[in-house]
Amino acid sequence: MAVAIVRLEGEDIPLEHRQSGTTAVFRVRNDEGAVLYFDDEVEAAKSAVELSNAEHS
């Protein structure tokens, strides 16, 4: 199964994740529909690896 990280900017950022000064958030999604949002690219990448490893276990 695949895990994808997408950088969202501007109007693409969901309303609940828009904060003053936030210019981008990172959405992590797997094929099973799990969706997580992160302000930090490194944290998003770590989460993607964890989701991918869990899918292969």
PDB file of N, CA and C in Angstrom:
ATOM      1  N   MET A   1       0.835  -1.174   0.000  1.00  0.00           N
ATOM      2  CA  MET A   1       0.000   0.000   0.000  1.00  0.00           C
ATOM      3  C   MET A   1       0.883   1.243   0.000  1.00  0.00           C
ATOM      4  N   ALA A   2       0.342   2.295  -0.519  1.00  0.00           N
ATOM      5  CA  ALA A   2       1.107   3.532  -0.662  1.00  0.00           C
ATOM      6  C   ALA A   2       0.750   4.531   0.432  1.00  0.00           C
ATOM      7  N   VAL A   3       1.742   5.337   0.752  1.00  0.00           N
ATOM      8  CA  VAL A   3       1.566   6.459   1.661  1.00  0.00           C
ATOM      9  C   VAL A   3       2.043   7.695   0.926  1.00  0.00           C
ATOM     10  N   ALA A   4       1.253   8.775   0.979  1.00  0.00           N
ATOM     11  CA  ALA A   4       1.609   9.993   0.256  1.00  0.00           C
ATOM     12  C   ALA A   4       1.691  11.181   1.210  1.00  0.00           C
ATOM     13  N   ILE A   5       2.681  12.034   0.947  1.00  0.00           N
ATOM     14  CA  ILE A   5       2.807  13.299   1.668  1.00  0.00           C
ATOM     15  C   ILE A   5       2.564  14.415   0.663  1.00  0.00           C
ATOM     16  N   VAL A   6       1.661  15.324   1.012  1.00  0.00           N
ATOM     17  CA  VAL A   6       1.358  16.447   0.135  1.00  0.00           C
ATOM     18  C   VAL A   6       1.506  17.738   0.927  1.00  0.00           C
ATOM     19  N   ARG A   7       2.221  18.684   0.348  1.00  0.00           N
ATOM     20  CA  ARG A   7       2.360  20.015   0.965  1.00  0.00           C
ATOM     21  C   ARG A   7       1.161  20.861   0.536  1.00  0.00           C
ATOM     22  N   LEU A   8       0.434  21.381   1.491  1.00  0.00           N
ATOM     23  CA  LEU A   8      -0.728  22.227   1.218  1.00  0.00           C
ATOM     24  C   LEU A   8      -0.391  23.659   1.594  1.00  0.00           C
ATOM     25  N   GLU A   9      -0.748  24.588   0.716  1.00  0.00           N
ATOM     26  CA  GLU A   9      -0.475  26.000   0.962  1.00  0.00           C
ATOM     27  C   GLU A   9      -1.728  26.822   0.702  1.00  0.00           C
ATOM     28  N   GLY A  10      -1.793  27.975   1.347  1.00  0.00           N
ATOM     29  CA  GLY A  10      -2.874  28.930   1.090  1.00  0.00           C
ATOM     30  C   GLY A  10      -4.252  28.344   1.293  1.00  0.00           C
ATOM     31  N   GLU A  11      -5.101  28.505   0.292  1.00  0.00           N
ATOM     32  CA  GLU A  11      -6.495  28.062   0.358  1.00  0.00           C
ATOM     33  C   GLU A  11      -6.634  26.542   0.413  1.00  0.00           C
ATOM     34  N   ASP A  12      -5.574  25.812   0.086  1.00  0.00           N
ATOM     35  CA  ASP A  12      -5.623  24.345   0.138  1.00  0.00           C
ATOM     36  C   ASP A  12      -5.540  23.807   1.565  1.00  0.00           C
ATOM     37  N   ILE A  13      -5.097  24.652   2.502  1.00  0.00           N
ATOM     38  CA  ILE A  13      -5.007  24.237   3.900  1.00  0.00           C
ATOM     39  C   ILE A  13      -6.421  24.174   4.472  1.00  0.00           C
ATOM     40  N   PRO A  14      -6.809  23.034   5.059  1.00  0.00           N
ATOM     41  CA  PRO A  14      -8.141  22.948   5.665  1.00  0.00           C
ATOM     42  C   PRO A  14      -8.315  24.026   6.741  1.00  0.00           C
ATOM     43  N   LEU A  15      -9.514  24.543   6.847  1.00  0.00           N
ATOM     44  CA  LEU A  15      -9.792  25.630   7.786  1.00  0.00           C
ATOM     45  C   LEU A  15      -9.336  25.320   9.210  1.00  0.00           C
ATOM     46  N   GLU A  16      -9.551  24.084   9.658  1.00  0.00           N
ATOM     47  CA  GLU A  16      -9.196  23.735  11.031  1.00  0.00           C
ATOM     48  C   GLU A  16      -7.685  23.707  11.277  1.00  0.00           C
ATOM     49  N   HIS A  17      -6.892  23.787  10.211  1.00  0.00           N
ATOM     50  CA  HIS A  17      -5.431  23.780  10.358  1.00  0.00           C
ATOM     51  C   HIS A  17      -4.793  25.120   9.997  1.00  0.00           C
ATOM     52  N   ARG A  18      -5.611  26.100   9.702  1.00  0.00           N
ATOM     53  CA  ARG A  18      -5.087  27.436   9.411  1.00  0.00           C
ATOM     54  C   ARG A  18      -4.896  28.199  10.708  1.00  0.00           C
ATOM     55  N   GLN A  19      -3.700  28.701  10.894  1.00  0.00           N
ATOM     56  CA  GLN A  19      -3.390  29.504  12.063  1.00  0.00           C
ATOM     57  C   GLN A  19      -2.670  30.748  11.587  1.00  0.00           C
ATOM     58  N   SER A  20      -2.649  31.735  12.425  1.00  0.00           N
ATOM     59  CA  SER A  20      -1.956  32.964  12.086  1.00  0.00           C
ATOM     60  C   SER A  20      -0.495  32.663  11.779  1.00  0.00           C
ATOM     61  N   GLY A  21      -0.067  33.028  10.603  1.00  0.00           N
ATOM     62  CA  GLY A  21       1.321  32.823  10.213  1.00  0.00           C
ATOM     63  C   GLY A  21       1.610  31.485   9.560  1.00  0.00           C
ATOM     64  N   THR A  22       0.645  30.559   9.544  1.00  0.00           N
ATOM     65  CA  THR A  22       0.873  29.266   8.915  1.00  0.00           C
ATOM     66  C   THR A  22       0.837  29.430   7.407  1.00  0.00           C
ATOM     67  N   THR A  23       1.926  29.051   6.761  1.00  0.00           N
ATOM     68  CA  THR A  23       1.991  29.176   5.305  1.00  0.00           C
ATOM     69  C   THR A  23       1.838  27.839   4.604  1.00  0.00           C
ATOM     70  N   ALA A  24       2.073  26.728   5.338  1.00  0.00           N
ATOM     71  CA  ALA A  24       1.946  25.408   4.727  1.00  0.00           C
ATOM     72  C   ALA A  24       1.719  24.363   5.810  1.00  0.00           C
ATOM     73  N   VAL A  25       0.988  23.313   5.453  1.00  0.00           N
ATOM     74  CA  VAL A  25       0.866  22.122   6.293  1.00  0.00           C
ATOM     75  C   VAL A  25       1.102  20.921   5.389  1.00  0.00           C
ATOM     76  N   PHE A  26       1.412  19.802   6.014  1.00  0.00           N
ATOM     77  CA  PHE A  26       1.706  18.587   5.269  1.00  0.00           C
ATOM     78  C   PHE A  26       0.659  17.537   5.604  1.00  0.00           C
ATOM     79  N   ARG A  27       0.031  16.996   4.557  1.00  0.00           N
ATOM     80  CA  ARG A  27      -1.001  15.974   4.728  1.00  0.00           C
ATOM     81  C   ARG A  27      -0.386  14.618   4.406  1.00  0.00           C
ATOM     82  N   VAL A  28      -0.538  13.680   5.336  1.00  0.00           N
ATOM     83  CA  VAL A  28      -0.075  12.311   5.131  1.00  0.00           C
ATOM     84  C   VAL A  28      -1.313  11.449   4.996  1.00  0.00           C
ATOM     85  N   ARG A  29      -1.379  10.668   3.916  1.00  0.00           N
ATOM     86  CA  ARG A  29      -2.560   9.828   3.660  1.00  0.00           C
ATOM     87  C   ARG A  29      -2.105   8.460   3.182  1.00  0.00           C
ATOM     88  N   ASN A  30      -2.772   7.407   3.693  1.00  0.00           N
ATOM     89  CA  ASN A  30      -2.481   6.072   3.179  1.00  0.00           C
ATOM     90  C   ASN A  30      -3.675   5.556   2.376  1.00  0.00           C
ATOM     91  N   ASP A  31      -3.494   4.404   1.753  1.00  0.00           N
ATOM     92  CA  ASP A  31      -4.542   3.838   0.904  1.00  0.00           C
ATOM     93  C   ASP A  31      -5.790   3.434   1.681  1.00  0.00           C
ATOM     94  N   GLU A  32      -5.646   3.233   2.984  1.00  0.00           N
ATOM     95  CA  GLU A  32      -6.786   2.846   3.811  1.00  0.00           C
ATOM     96  C   GLU A  32      -7.619   4.047   4.243  1.00  0.00           C
ATOM     97  N   GLY A  33      -7.161   5.249   3.888  1.00  0.00           N
ATOM     98  CA  GLY A  33      -7.930   6.450   4.190  1.00  0.00           C
ATOM     99  C   GLY A  33      -7.492   7.219   5.418  1.00  0.00           C
ATOM    100  N   ALA A  34      -6.460   6.740   6.111  1.00  0.00           N
ATOM    101  CA  ALA A  34      -5.955   7.484   7.270  1.00  0.00           C
ATOM    102  C   ALA A  34      -5.353   8.798   6.775  1.00  0.00           C
ATOM    103  N   VAL A  35      -5.741   9.904   7.402  1.00  0.00           N
ATOM    104  CA  VAL A  35      -5.229  11.226   7.022  1.00  0.00           C
ATOM    105  C   VAL A  35      -4.759  11.947   8.282  1.00  0.00           C
ATOM    106  N   LEU A  36      -3.512  12.424   8.233  1.00  0.00           N
ATOM    107  CA  LEU A  36      -2.924  13.174   9.336  1.00  0.00           C
ATOM    108  C   LEU A  36      -2.348  14.464   8.786  1.00  0.00           C
ATOM    109  N   TYR A  37      -2.352  15.512   9.590  1.00  0.00           N
ATOM    110  CA  TYR A  37      -1.800  16.804   9.184  1.00  0.00           C
ATOM    111  C   TYR A  37      -0.677  17.207  10.133  1.00  0.00           C
ATOM    112  N   PHE A  38       0.370  17.803   9.564  1.00  0.00           N
ATOM    113  CA  PHE A  38       1.531  18.228  10.340  1.00  0.00           C
ATOM    114  C   PHE A  38       1.974  19.603   9.879  1.00  0.00           C
ATOM    115  N   ASP A  39       2.485  20.388  10.827  1.00  0.00           N
ATOM    116  CA  ASP A  39       3.075  21.684  10.490  1.00  0.00           C
ATOM    117  C   ASP A  39       4.533  21.523  10.073  1.00  0.00           C
ATOM    118  N   ASP A  40       5.135  20.415  10.476  1.00  0.00           N
ATOM    119  CA  ASP A  40       6.555  20.185  10.267  1.00  0.00           C
ATOM    120  C   ASP A  40       6.769  19.066   9.246  1.00  0.00           C
ATOM    121  N   GLU A  41       7.583  19.326   8.240  1.00  0.00           N
ATOM    122  CA  GLU A  41       7.841  18.353   7.177  1.00  0.00           C
ATOM    123  C   GLU A  41       8.528  17.096   7.710  1.00  0.00           C
ATOM    124  N   VAL A  42       9.439  17.259   8.662  1.00  0.00           N
ATOM    125  CA  VAL A  42      10.148  16.108   9.221  1.00  0.00           C
ATOM    126  C   VAL A  42       9.177  15.197   9.974  1.00  0.00           C
ATOM    127  N   GLU A  43       8.285  15.779  10.752  1.00  0.00           N
ATOM    128  CA  GLU A  43       7.291  14.987  11.473  1.00  0.00           C
ATOM    129  C   GLU A  43       6.354  14.265  10.501  1.00  0.00           C
ATOM    130  N   ALA A  44       5.996  14.930   9.414  1.00  0.00           N
ATOM    131  CA  ALA A  44       5.154  14.303   8.395  1.00  0.00           C
ATOM    132  C   ALA A  44       5.871  13.109   7.775  1.00  0.00           C
ATOM    133  N   ALA A  45       7.150  13.266   7.488  1.00  0.00           N
ATOM    134  CA  ALA A  45       7.929  12.166   6.901  1.00  0.00           C
ATOM    135  C   ALA A  45       8.042  10.992   7.866  1.00  0.00           C
ATOM    136  N   LYS A  46       8.272  11.272   9.145  1.00  0.00           N
ATOM    137  CA  LYS A  46       8.342  10.210  10.148  1.00  0.00           C
ATOM    138  C   LYS A  46       7.025   9.445  10.219  1.00  0.00           C
ATOM    139  N   SER A  47       5.931  10.176  10.189  1.00  0.00           N
ATOM    140  CA  SER A  47       4.614   9.554  10.238  1.00  0.00           C
ATOM    141  C   SER A  47       4.378   8.678   9.008  1.00  0.00           C
ATOM    142  N   ALA A  48       4.794   9.161   7.853  1.00  0.00           N
ATOM    143  CA  ALA A  48       4.631   8.388   6.619  1.00  0.00           C
ATOM    144  C   ALA A  48       5.407   7.076   6.698  1.00  0.00           C
ATOM    145  N   VAL A  49       6.608   7.121   7.233  1.00  0.00           N
ATOM    146  CA  VAL A  49       7.410   5.900   7.386  1.00  0.00           C
ATOM    147  C   VAL A  49       6.724   4.943   8.349  1.00  0.00           C
ATOM    148  N   GLU A  50       6.221   5.463   9.464  1.00  0.00           N
ATOM    149  CA  GLU A  50       5.534   4.618  10.433  1.00  0.00           C
ATOM    150  C   GLU A  50       4.292   3.968   9.824  1.00  0.00           C
ATOM    151  N   LEU A  51       3.505   4.740   9.076  1.00  0.00           N
ATOM    152  CA  LEU A  51       2.320   4.175   8.426  1.00  0.00           C
ATOM    153  C   LEU A  51       2.710   3.109   7.410  1.00  0.00           C
ATOM    154  N   SER A  52       3.743   3.375   6.652  1.00  0.00           N
ATOM    155  CA  SER A  52       4.195   2.424   5.641  1.00  0.00           C
ATOM    156  C   SER A  52       4.677   1.131   6.300  1.00  0.00           C
ATOM    157  N   ASN A  53       5.460   1.266   7.373  1.00  0.00           N
ATOM    158  CA  ASN A  53       5.951   0.080   8.080  1.00  0.00           C
ATOM    159  C   ASN A  53       4.806  -0.720   8.678  1.00  0.00           C
ATOM    160  N   ALA A  54       3.804  -0.052   9.207  1.00  0.00           N
ATOM    161  CA  ALA A  54       2.652  -0.732   9.795  1.00  0.00           C
ATOM    162  C   ALA A  54       1.880  -1.510   8.733  1.00  0.00           C
ATOM    163  N   GLU A  55       1.808  -0.960   7.536  1.00  0.00           N
ATOM    164  CA  GLU A  55       1.095  -1.628   6.453  1.00  0.00           C
ATOM    165  C   GLU A  55       1.833  -2.878   5.978  1.00  0.00           C
ATOM    166  N   HIS A  56       3.139  -2.881   6.117  1.00  0.00           N
ATOM    167  CA  HIS A  56       3.938  -4.019   5.652  1.00  0.00           C
ATOM    168  C   HIS A  56       4.133  -5.077   6.730  1.00  0.00           C
ATOM    169  N   SER A  57       3.643  -4.827   7.927  1.00  0.00           N
ATOM    170  CA  SER A  57       3.805  -5.788   9.032  1.00  0.00           C
ATOM    171  C   SER A  57       2.735  -6.844   8.981  1.00  0.00           C
TER     172      SER A  57
END
